[in-house]
Amino acid sequence: MCNYKFNDFTGTYLSKLNIPINEIAHILYLFVLGVLGYRMKQYIEVSLKTIHKIFTIIRQAIYDQAVAELKEANISGEVELDETMFGGKRAGK
């Protein structure tokens, strides 16, 4: 018998987190809306450090998926990518 515990995020980017799924969903929703991390602190009971950790995990997942799609496309030659901003708004824009 192994003592390994499985959860909803086993084998995913979010498997390292130890917070309820409803709070992760709420953070993801606010992330998509562009709410800043320190503002999220007003809506959920998670530390700012955890919110930033989740932001980093989400950004890494987006990056890895984009790289995987580019590899599948078998594009040759130079590829130009535009800058994309995830989470928060850029000042003055």
PDB file of N, CA and C in Angstrom:
ATOM      1  N   MET A   1       0.839  -1.174   0.000  1.00  0.00           N
ATOM      2  CA  MET A   1       0.000   0.000   0.000  1.00  0.00           C
ATOM      3  C   MET A   1       0.891   1.247   0.000  1.00  0.00           C
ATOM      4  N   CYS A   2       0.591   2.172  -0.881  1.00  0.00           N
ATOM      5  CA  CYS A   2       1.342   3.423  -0.883  1.00  0.00           C
ATOM      6  C   CYS A   2       0.533   4.479  -0.140  1.00  0.00           C
ATOM      7  N   ASN A   3       1.204   5.411   0.446  1.00  0.00           N
ATOM      8  CA  ASN A   3       0.528   6.462   1.217  1.00  0.00           C
ATOM      9  C   ASN A   3       0.382   7.750   0.425  1.00  0.00           C
ATOM     10  N   TYR A   4       0.487   7.679  -0.902  1.00  0.00           N
ATOM     11  CA  TYR A   4       0.365   8.866  -1.739  1.00  0.00           C
ATOM     12  C   TYR A   4      -1.087   9.292  -1.813  1.00  0.00           C
ATOM     13  N   LYS A   5      -1.340  10.570  -1.629  1.00  0.00           N
ATOM     14  CA  LYS A   5      -2.708  11.086  -1.683  1.00  0.00           C
ATOM     15  C   LYS A   5      -2.928  11.811  -2.999  1.00  0.00           C
ATOM     16  N   PHE A   6      -4.015  11.486  -3.671  1.00  0.00           N
ATOM     17  CA  PHE A   6      -4.378  12.126  -4.920  1.00  0.00           C
ATOM     18  C   PHE A   6      -5.429  13.189  -4.648  1.00  0.00           C
ATOM     19  N   ASN A   7      -5.386  14.257  -5.437  1.00  0.00           N
ATOM     20  CA  ASN A   7      -6.423  15.287  -5.340  1.00  0.00           C
ATOM     21  C   ASN A   7      -6.800  15.737  -6.743  1.00  0.00           C
ATOM     22  N   ASP A   8      -7.616  16.773  -6.832  1.00  0.00           N
ATOM     23  CA  ASP A   8      -8.104  17.253  -8.125  1.00  0.00           C
ATOM     24  C   ASP A   8      -6.984  17.736  -9.047  1.00  0.00           C
ATOM     25  N   PHE A   9      -5.873  18.148  -8.477  1.00  0.00           N
ATOM     26  CA  PHE A   9      -4.798  18.732  -9.272  1.00  0.00           C
ATOM     27  C   PHE A   9      -3.576  17.835  -9.398  1.00  0.00           C
ATOM     28  N   THR A  10      -3.679  16.590  -9.037  1.00  0.00           N
ATOM     29  CA  THR A  10      -2.550  15.667  -9.132  1.00  0.00           C
ATOM     30  C   THR A  10      -2.065  15.602 -10.578  1.00  0.00           C
ATOM     31  N   GLY A  11      -0.769  15.833 -10.755  1.00  0.00           N
ATOM     32  CA  GLY A  11      -0.178  15.785 -12.086  1.00  0.00           C
ATOM     33  C   GLY A  11      -0.359  17.061 -12.887  1.00  0.00           C
ATOM     34  N   THR A  12      -0.783  18.145 -12.252  1.00  0.00           N
ATOM     35  CA  THR A  12      -0.962  19.418 -12.940  1.00  0.00           C
ATOM     36  C   THR A  12      -0.045  20.471 -12.325  1.00  0.00           C
ATOM     37  N   TYR A  13      -0.066  21.653 -12.916  1.00  0.00           N
ATOM     38  CA  TYR A  13       0.737  22.755 -12.391  1.00  0.00           C
ATOM     39  C   TYR A  13       0.311  23.152 -10.978  1.00  0.00           C
ATOM     40  N   LEU A  14      -0.954  22.981 -10.671  1.00  0.00           N
ATOM     41  CA  LEU A  14      -1.481  23.426  -9.384  1.00  0.00           C
ATOM     42  C   LEU A  14      -1.348  22.384  -8.280  1.00  0.00           C
ATOM     43  N   SER A  15      -0.679  21.280  -8.554  1.00  0.00           N
ATOM     44  CA  SER A  15      -0.565  20.215  -7.551  1.00  0.00           C
ATOM     45  C   SER A  15       0.263  20.638  -6.343  1.00  0.00           C
ATOM     46  N   LYS A  16       1.090  21.674  -6.483  1.00  0.00           N
ATOM     47  CA  LYS A  16       1.937  22.122  -5.381  1.00  0.00           C
ATOM     48  C   LYS A  16       1.182  22.976  -4.370  1.00  0.00           C
ATOM     49  N   LEU A  17      -0.024  23.399  -4.734  1.00  0.00           N
ATOM     50  CA  LEU A  17      -0.797  24.284  -3.860  1.00  0.00           C
ATOM     51  C   LEU A  17      -1.641  23.489  -2.881  1.00  0.00           C
ATOM     52  N   ASN A  18      -1.808  24.044  -1.718  1.00  0.00           N
ATOM     53  CA  ASN A  18      -2.595  23.379  -0.686  1.00  0.00           C
ATOM     54  C   ASN A  18      -3.743  24.288  -0.235  1.00  0.00           C
ATOM     55  N   ILE A  19      -4.490  24.794  -1.231  1.00  0.00           N
ATOM     56  CA  ILE A  19      -5.644  25.634  -0.919  1.00  0.00           C
ATOM     57  C   ILE A  19      -6.866  25.051  -1.633  1.00  0.00           C
ATOM     58  N   PRO A  20      -8.057  25.345  -1.135  1.00  0.00           N
ATOM     59  CA  PRO A  20      -9.279  24.757  -1.712  1.00  0.00           C
ATOM     60  C   PRO A  20      -9.481  25.140  -3.180  1.00  0.00           C
ATOM     61  N   ILE A  21     -10.140  24.262  -3.905  1.00  0.00           N
ATOM     62  CA  ILE A  21     -10.366  24.450  -5.338  1.00  0.00           C
ATOM     63  C   ILE A  21     -11.204  25.695  -5.621  1.00  0.00           C
ATOM     64  N   ASN A  22     -12.144  26.026  -4.738  1.00  0.00           N
ATOM     65  CA  ASN A  22     -12.971  27.207  -4.986  1.00  0.00           C
ATOM     66  C   ASN A  22     -12.157  28.500  -4.891  1.00  0.00           C
ATOM     67  N   GLU A  23     -11.149  28.533  -4.028  1.00  0.00           N
ATOM     68  CA  GLU A  23     -10.293  29.715  -3.946  1.00  0.00           C
ATOM     69  C   GLU A  23      -9.370  29.802  -5.154  1.00  0.00           C
ATOM     70  N   ILE A  24      -8.875  28.662  -5.641  1.00  0.00           N
ATOM     71  CA  ILE A  24      -8.052  28.666  -6.850  1.00  0.00           C
ATOM     72  C   ILE A  24      -8.877  29.155  -8.031  1.00  0.00           C
ATOM     73  N   ALA A  25     -10.124  28.700  -8.131  1.00  0.00           N
ATOM     74  CA  ALA A  25     -11.012  29.129  -9.218  1.00  0.00           C
ATOM     75  C   ALA A  25     -11.278  30.628  -9.130  1.00  0.00           C
ATOM     76  N   HIS A  26     -11.468  31.136  -7.917  1.00  0.00           N
ATOM     77  CA  HIS A  26     -11.719  32.562  -7.738  1.00  0.00           C
ATOM     78  C   HIS A  26     -10.485  33.377  -8.137  1.00  0.00           C
ATOM     79  N   ILE A  27      -9.303  32.926  -7.743  1.00  0.00           N
ATOM     80  CA  ILE A  27      -8.066  33.612  -8.122  1.00  0.00           C
ATOM     81  C   ILE A  27      -7.895  33.593  -9.640  1.00  0.00           C
ATOM     82  N   LEU A  28      -8.164  32.463 -10.262  1.00  0.00           N
ATOM     83  CA  LEU A  28      -8.051  32.360 -11.716  1.00  0.00           C
ATOM     84  C   LEU A  28      -9.026  33.312 -12.401  1.00  0.00           C
ATOM     85  N   TYR A  29     -10.249  33.385 -11.906  1.00  0.00           N
ATOM     86  CA  TYR A  29     -11.254  34.297 -12.467  1.00  0.00           C
ATOM     87  C   TYR A  29     -10.783  35.748 -12.359  1.00  0.00           C
ATOM     88  N   LEU A  30     -10.288  36.140 -11.185  1.00  0.00           N
ATOM     89  CA  LEU A  30      -9.807  37.504 -10.993  1.00  0.00           C
ATOM     90  C   LEU A  30      -8.565  37.777 -11.824  1.00  0.00           C
ATOM     91  N   PHE A  31      -7.718  36.765 -12.015  1.00  0.00           N
ATOM     92  CA  PHE A  31      -6.528  36.889 -12.862  1.00  0.00           C
ATOM     93  C   PHE A  31      -6.929  37.214 -14.294  1.00  0.00           C
ATOM     94  N   VAL A  32      -7.922  36.507 -14.805  1.00  0.00           N
ATOM     95  CA  VAL A  32      -8.408  36.732 -16.172  1.00  0.00           C
ATOM     96  C   VAL A  32      -8.993  38.138 -16.306  1.00  0.00           C
ATOM     97  N   LEU A  33      -9.647  38.625 -15.255  1.00  0.00           N
ATOM     98  CA  LEU A  33     -10.213  39.974 -15.283  1.00  0.00           C
ATOM     99  C   LEU A  33      -9.136  41.061 -15.180  1.00  0.00           C
ATOM    100  N   GLY A  34      -7.920  40.679 -14.798  1.00  0.00           N
ATOM    101  CA  GLY A  34      -6.832  41.641 -14.687  1.00  0.00           C
ATOM    102  C   GLY A  34      -6.742  42.320 -13.338  1.00  0.00           C
ATOM    103  N   VAL A  35      -7.325  41.718 -12.310  1.00  0.00           N
ATOM    104  CA  VAL A  35      -7.264  42.287 -10.964  1.00  0.00           C
ATOM    105  C   VAL A  35      -5.861  42.087 -10.412  1.00  0.00           C
ATOM    106  N   LEU A  36      -5.319  43.125  -9.816  1.00  0.00           N
ATOM    107  CA  LEU A  36      -3.979  43.053  -9.239  1.00  0.00           C
ATOM    108  C   LEU A  36      -3.966  42.150  -8.004  1.00  0.00           C
ATOM    109  N   GLY A  37      -2.805  41.580  -7.720  1.00  0.00           N
ATOM    110  CA  GLY A  37      -2.675  40.652  -6.607  1.00  0.00           C
ATOM    111  C   GLY A  37      -3.044  41.256  -5.271  1.00  0.00           C
ATOM    112  N   TYR A  38      -2.577  42.473  -5.017  1.00  0.00           N
ATOM    113  CA  TYR A  38      -2.872  43.078  -3.726  1.00  0.00           C
ATOM    114  C   TYR A  38      -4.357  43.423  -3.587  1.00  0.00           C
ATOM    115  N   ARG A  39      -5.060  43.624  -4.701  1.00  0.00           N
ATOM    116  CA  ARG A  39      -6.501  43.860  -4.645  1.00  0.00           C
ATOM    117  C   ARG A  39      -7.257  42.555  -4.393  1.00  0.00           C
ATOM    118  N   MET A  40      -6.724  41.442  -4.909  1.00  0.00           N
ATOM    119  CA  MET A  40      -7.360  40.144  -4.678  1.00  0.00           C
ATOM    120  C   MET A  40      -7.410  39.815  -3.201  1.00  0.00           C
ATOM    121  N   LYS A  41      -6.427  40.302  -2.471  1.00  0.00           N
ATOM    122  CA  LYS A  41      -6.349  40.041  -1.041  1.00  0.00           C
ATOM    123  C   LYS A  41      -7.629  40.488  -0.335  1.00  0.00           C
ATOM    124  N   GLN A  42      -8.339  41.480  -0.898  1.00  0.00           N
ATOM    125  CA  GLN A  42      -9.575  41.972  -0.296  1.00  0.00           C
ATOM    126  C   GLN A  42     -10.735  40.997  -0.509  1.00  0.00           C
ATOM    127  N   TYR A  43     -10.647  40.164  -1.551  1.00  0.00           N
ATOM    128  CA  TYR A  43     -11.753  39.281  -1.913  1.00  0.00           C
ATOM    129  C   TYR A  43     -11.601  37.851  -1.387  1.00  0.00           C
ATOM    130  N   ILE A  44     -10.382  37.412  -1.183  1.00  0.00           N
ATOM    131  CA  ILE A  44     -10.148  36.030  -0.755  1.00  0.00           C
ATOM    132  C   ILE A  44      -9.219  35.999   0.446  1.00  0.00           C
ATOM    133  N   GLU A  45      -9.252  34.905   1.166  1.00  0.00           N
ATOM    134  CA  GLU A  45      -8.449  34.777   2.377  1.00  0.00           C
ATOM    135  C   GLU A  45      -7.192  33.968   2.111  1.00  0.00           C
ATOM    136  N   VAL A  46      -6.368  34.477   1.215  1.00  0.00           N
ATOM    137  CA  VAL A  46      -5.101  33.845   0.868  1.00  0.00           C
ATOM    138  C   VAL A  46      -4.032  34.923   0.946  1.00  0.00           C
ATOM    139  N   SER A  47      -2.833  34.558   1.373  1.00  0.00           N
ATOM    140  CA  SER A  47      -1.775  35.554   1.506  1.00  0.00           C
ATOM    141  C   SER A  47      -1.342  36.075   0.137  1.00  0.00           C
ATOM    142  N   LEU A  48      -0.771  37.256   0.134  1.00  0.00           N
ATOM    143  CA  LEU A  48      -0.284  37.873  -1.097  1.00  0.00           C
ATOM    144  C   LEU A  48       0.824  37.024  -1.723  1.00  0.00           C
ATOM    145  N   LYS A  49       1.644  36.420  -0.888  1.00  0.00           N
ATOM    146  CA  LYS A  49       2.715  35.551  -1.386  1.00  0.00           C
ATOM    147  C   LYS A  49       2.127  34.358  -2.150  1.00  0.00           C
ATOM    148  N   THR A  50       1.053  33.777  -1.632  1.00  0.00           N
ATOM    149  CA  THR A  50       0.395  32.655  -2.308  1.00  0.00           C
ATOM    150  C   THR A  50      -0.239  33.101  -3.615  1.00  0.00           C
ATOM    151  N   ILE A  51      -0.848  34.283  -3.615  1.00  0.00           N
ATOM    152  CA  ILE A  51      -1.446  34.814  -4.842  1.00  0.00           C
ATOM    153  C   ILE A  51      -0.384  34.985  -5.912  1.00  0.00           C
ATOM    154  N   HIS A  52       0.763  35.536  -5.552  1.00  0.00           N
ATOM    155  CA  HIS A  52       1.846  35.714  -6.526  1.00  0.00           C
ATOM    156  C   HIS A  52       2.399  34.373  -7.001  1.00  0.00           C
ATOM    157  N   LYS A  53       2.440  33.398  -6.115  1.00  0.00           N
ATOM    158  CA  LYS A  53       2.883  32.057  -6.503  1.00  0.00           C
ATOM    159  C   LYS A  53       1.929  31.457  -7.531  1.00  0.00           C
ATOM    160  N   ILE A  54       0.626  31.637  -7.312  1.00  0.00           N
ATOM    161  CA  ILE A  54      -0.378  31.132  -8.258  1.00  0.00           C
ATOM    162  C   ILE A  54      -0.263  31.863  -9.582  1.00  0.00           C
ATOM    163  N   PHE A  55      -0.036  33.185  -9.542  1.00  0.00           N
ATOM    164  CA  PHE A  55       0.170  33.944 -10.781  1.00  0.00           C
ATOM    165  C   PHE A  55       1.345  33.377 -11.570  1.00  0.00           C
ATOM    166  N   THR A  56       2.428  33.082 -10.889  1.00  0.00           N
ATOM    167  CA  THR A  56       3.610  32.529 -11.557  1.00  0.00           C
ATOM    168  C   THR A  56       3.297  31.174 -12.176  1.00  0.00           C
ATOM    169  N   ILE A  57       2.569  30.339 -11.462  1.00  0.00           N
ATOM    170  CA  ILE A  57       2.194  29.021 -11.980  1.00  0.00           C
ATOM    171  C   ILE A  57       1.301  29.159 -13.207  1.00  0.00           C
ATOM    172  N   ILE A  58       0.338  30.073 -13.165  1.00  0.00           N
ATOM    173  CA  ILE A  58      -0.560  30.283 -14.305  1.00  0.00           C
ATOM    174  C   ILE A  58       0.236  30.763 -15.517  1.00  0.00           C
ATOM    175  N   ARG A  59       1.118  31.721 -15.313  1.00  0.00           N
ATOM    176  CA  ARG A  59       1.937  32.235 -16.422  1.00  0.00           C
ATOM    177  C   ARG A  59       2.827  31.143 -17.003  1.00  0.00           C
ATOM    178  N   GLN A  60       3.393  30.297 -16.137  1.00  0.00           N
ATOM    179  CA  GLN A  60       4.244  29.200 -16.612  1.00  0.00           C
ATOM    180  C   GLN A  60       3.436  28.214 -17.435  1.00  0.00           C
ATOM    181  N   ALA A  61       2.217  27.917 -17.004  1.00  0.00           N
ATOM    182  CA  ALA A  61       1.345  27.002 -17.749  1.00  0.00           C
ATOM    183  C   ALA A  61       1.005  27.578 -19.123  1.00  0.00           C
ATOM    184  N   ILE A  62       0.699  28.871 -19.179  1.00  0.00           N
ATOM    185  CA  ILE A  62       0.393  29.523 -20.458  1.00  0.00           C
ATOM    186  C   ILE A  62       1.603  29.461 -21.376  1.00  0.00           C
ATOM    187  N   TYR A  63       2.786  29.767 -20.839  1.00  0.00           N
ATOM    188  CA  TYR A  63       4.018  29.732 -21.633  1.00  0.00           C
ATOM    189  C   TYR A  63       4.295  28.328 -22.163  1.00  0.00           C
ATOM    190  N   ASP A  64       4.216  27.338 -21.287  1.00  0.00           N
ATOM    191  CA  ASP A  64       4.501  25.959 -21.702  1.00  0.00           C
ATOM    192  C   ASP A  64       3.533  25.486 -22.785  1.00  0.00           C
ATOM    193  N   GLN A  65       2.257  25.864 -22.665  1.00  0.00           N
ATOM    194  CA  GLN A  65       1.276  25.485 -23.675  1.00  0.00           C
ATOM    195  C   GLN A  65       1.580  26.153 -25.009  1.00  0.00           C
ATOM    196  N   ALA A  66       1.977  27.413 -24.979  1.00  0.00           N
ATOM    197  CA  ALA A  66       2.317  28.131 -26.220  1.00  0.00           C
ATOM    198  C   ALA A  66       3.527  27.498 -26.898  1.00  0.00           C
ATOM    199  N   VAL A  67       4.529  27.135 -26.113  1.00  0.00           N
ATOM    200  CA  VAL A  67       5.724  26.488 -26.673  1.00  0.00           C
ATOM    201  C   VAL A  67       5.364  25.135 -27.266  1.00  0.00           C
ATOM    202  N   ALA A  68       4.529  24.366 -26.581  1.00  0.00           N
ATOM    203  CA  ALA A  68       4.113  23.058 -27.093  1.00  0.00           C
ATOM    204  C   ALA A  68       3.344  23.199 -28.407  1.00  0.00           C
ATOM    205  N   GLU A  69       2.478  24.203 -28.508  1.00  0.00           N
ATOM    206  CA  GLU A  69       1.731  24.416 -29.745  1.00  0.00           C
ATOM    207  C   GLU A  69       2.652  24.831 -30.888  1.00  0.00           C
ATOM    208  N   LEU A  70       3.673  25.635 -30.587  1.00  0.00           N
ATOM    209  CA  LEU A  70       4.628  26.028 -31.625  1.00  0.00           C
ATOM    210  C   LEU A  70       5.433  24.828 -32.118  1.00  0.00           C
ATOM    211  N   LYS A  71       5.792  23.934 -31.205  1.00  0.00           N
ATOM    212  CA  LYS A  71       6.541  22.743 -31.605  1.00  0.00           C
ATOM    213  C   LYS A  71       5.685  21.826 -32.465  1.00  0.00           C
ATOM    214  N   GLU A  72       4.401  21.721 -32.147  1.00  0.00           N
ATOM    215  CA  GLU A  72       3.491  20.885 -32.927  1.00  0.00           C
ATOM    216  C   GLU A  72       3.272  21.447 -34.328  1.00  0.00           C
ATOM    217  N   ALA A  73       3.334  22.755 -34.461  1.00  0.00           N
ATOM    218  CA  ALA A  73       3.049  23.404 -35.744  1.00  0.00           C
ATOM    219  C   ALA A  73       4.173  23.197 -36.756  1.00  0.00           C
ATOM    220  N   ASN A  74       5.331  22.748 -36.314  1.00  0.00           N
ATOM    221  CA  ASN A  74       6.492  22.530 -37.192  1.00  0.00           C
ATOM    222  C   ASN A  74       6.790  23.750 -38.058  1.00  0.00           C
ATOM    223  N   ILE A  75       6.851  24.894 -37.411  1.00  0.00           N
ATOM    224  CA  ILE A  75       7.146  26.138 -38.109  1.00  0.00           C
ATOM    225  C   ILE A  75       8.647  26.224 -38.322  1.00  0.00           C
ATOM    226  N   SER A  76       9.031  26.605 -39.530  1.00  0.00           N
ATOM    227  CA  SER A  76      10.462  26.767 -39.807  1.00  0.00           C
ATOM    228  C   SER A  76      10.750  28.239 -40.073  1.00  0.00           C
ATOM    229  N   GLY A  77      11.972  28.626 -39.884  1.00  0.00           N
ATOM    230  CA  GLY A  77      12.364  30.015 -40.094  1.00  0.00           C
ATOM    231  C   GLY A  77      12.177  30.827 -38.827  1.00  0.00           C
ATOM    232  N   GLU A  78      12.132  32.140 -39.011  1.00  0.00           N
ATOM    233  CA  GLU A  78      11.987  33.026 -37.861  1.00  0.00           C
ATOM    234  C   GLU A  78      10.522  33.137 -37.460  1.00  0.00           C
ATOM    235  N   VAL A  79      10.291  33.200 -36.143  1.00  0.00           N
ATOM    236  CA  VAL A  79       8.946  33.370 -35.603  1.00  0.00           C
ATOM    237  C   VAL A  79       8.951  34.618 -34.737  1.00  0.00           C
ATOM    238  N   GLU A  80       8.002  35.513 -34.986  1.00  0.00           N
ATOM    239  CA  GLU A  80       7.902  36.737 -34.199  1.00  0.00           C
ATOM    240  C   GLU A  80       6.697  36.647 -33.280  1.00  0.00           C
ATOM    241  N   LEU A  81       6.922  36.919 -32.003  1.00  0.00           N
ATOM    242  CA  LEU A  81       5.847  36.896 -31.012  1.00  0.00           C
ATOM    243  C   LEU A  81       5.670  38.291 -30.438  1.00  0.00           C
ATOM    244  N   ASP A  82       4.433  38.698 -30.258  1.00  0.00           N
ATOM    245  CA  ASP A  82       4.151  39.984 -29.632  1.00  0.00           C
ATOM    246  C   ASP A  82       4.122  39.825 -28.123  1.00  0.00           C
ATOM    247  N   GLU A  83       4.375  40.931 -27.457  1.00  0.00           N
ATOM    248  CA  GLU A  83       4.338  40.941 -25.998  1.00  0.00           C
ATOM    249  C   GLU A  83       2.895  40.834 -25.517  1.00  0.00           C
ATOM    250  N   THR A  84       2.679  40.028 -24.488  1.00  0.00           N
ATOM    251  CA  THR A  84       1.351  39.875 -23.905  1.00  0.00           C
ATOM    252  C   THR A  84       1.456  40.115 -22.417  1.00  0.00           C
ATOM    253  N   MET A  85       0.509  40.844 -21.880  1.00  0.00           N
ATOM    254  CA  MET A  85       0.505  41.158 -20.453  1.00  0.00           C
ATOM    255  C   MET A  85      -0.569  40.317 -19.769  1.00  0.00           C
ATOM    256  N   PHE A  86      -0.198  39.540 -18.745  1.00  0.00           N
ATOM    257  CA  PHE A  86      -1.134  38.743 -17.979  1.00  0.00           C
ATOM    258  C   PHE A  86      -1.149  39.222 -16.546  1.00  0.00           C
ATOM    259  N   GLY A  87      -2.304  39.581 -16.063  1.00  0.00           N
ATOM    260  CA  GLY A  87      -2.428  39.998 -14.672  1.00  0.00           C
ATOM    261  C   GLY A  87      -2.075  41.455 -14.486  1.00  0.00           C
ATOM    262  N   GLY A  88      -3.022  42.240 -14.068  1.00  0.00           N
ATOM    263  CA  GLY A  88      -2.779  43.649 -13.807  1.00  0.00           C
ATOM    264  C   GLY A  88      -2.819  44.488 -15.068  1.00  0.00           C
ATOM    265  N   LYS A  89      -2.801  45.768 -14.877  1.00  0.00           N
ATOM    266  CA  LYS A  89      -2.818  46.698 -15.997  1.00  0.00           C
ATOM    267  C   LYS A  89      -1.510  47.485 -15.999  1.00  0.00           C
ATOM    268  N   ARG A  90      -1.016  47.795 -17.170  1.00  0.00           N
ATOM    269  CA  ARG A  90       0.209  48.570 -17.293  1.00  0.00           C
ATOM    270  C   ARG A  90      -0.142  50.042 -17.075  1.00  0.00           C
ATOM    271  N   ALA A  91       0.634  50.715 -16.251  1.00  0.00           N
ATOM    272  CA  ALA A  91       0.368  52.118 -15.946  1.00  0.00           C
ATOM    273  C   ALA A  91       0.520  52.971 -17.203  1.00  0.00           C
ATOM    274  N   GLY A  92      -0.414  53.880 -17.405  1.00  0.00           N
ATOM    275  CA  GLY A  92      -0.331  54.796 -18.530  1.00  0.00           C
ATOM    276  C   GLY A  92      -0.844  54.238 -19.844  1.00  0.00           C
ATOM    277  N   LYS A  93      -1.359  53.013 -19.835  1.00  0.00           N
ATOM    278  CA  LYS A  93      -1.852  52.412 -21.081  1.00  0.00           C
ATOM    279  C   LYS A  93      -3.356  52.291 -21.009  1.00  0.00           C
TER     280      LYS A  93
END
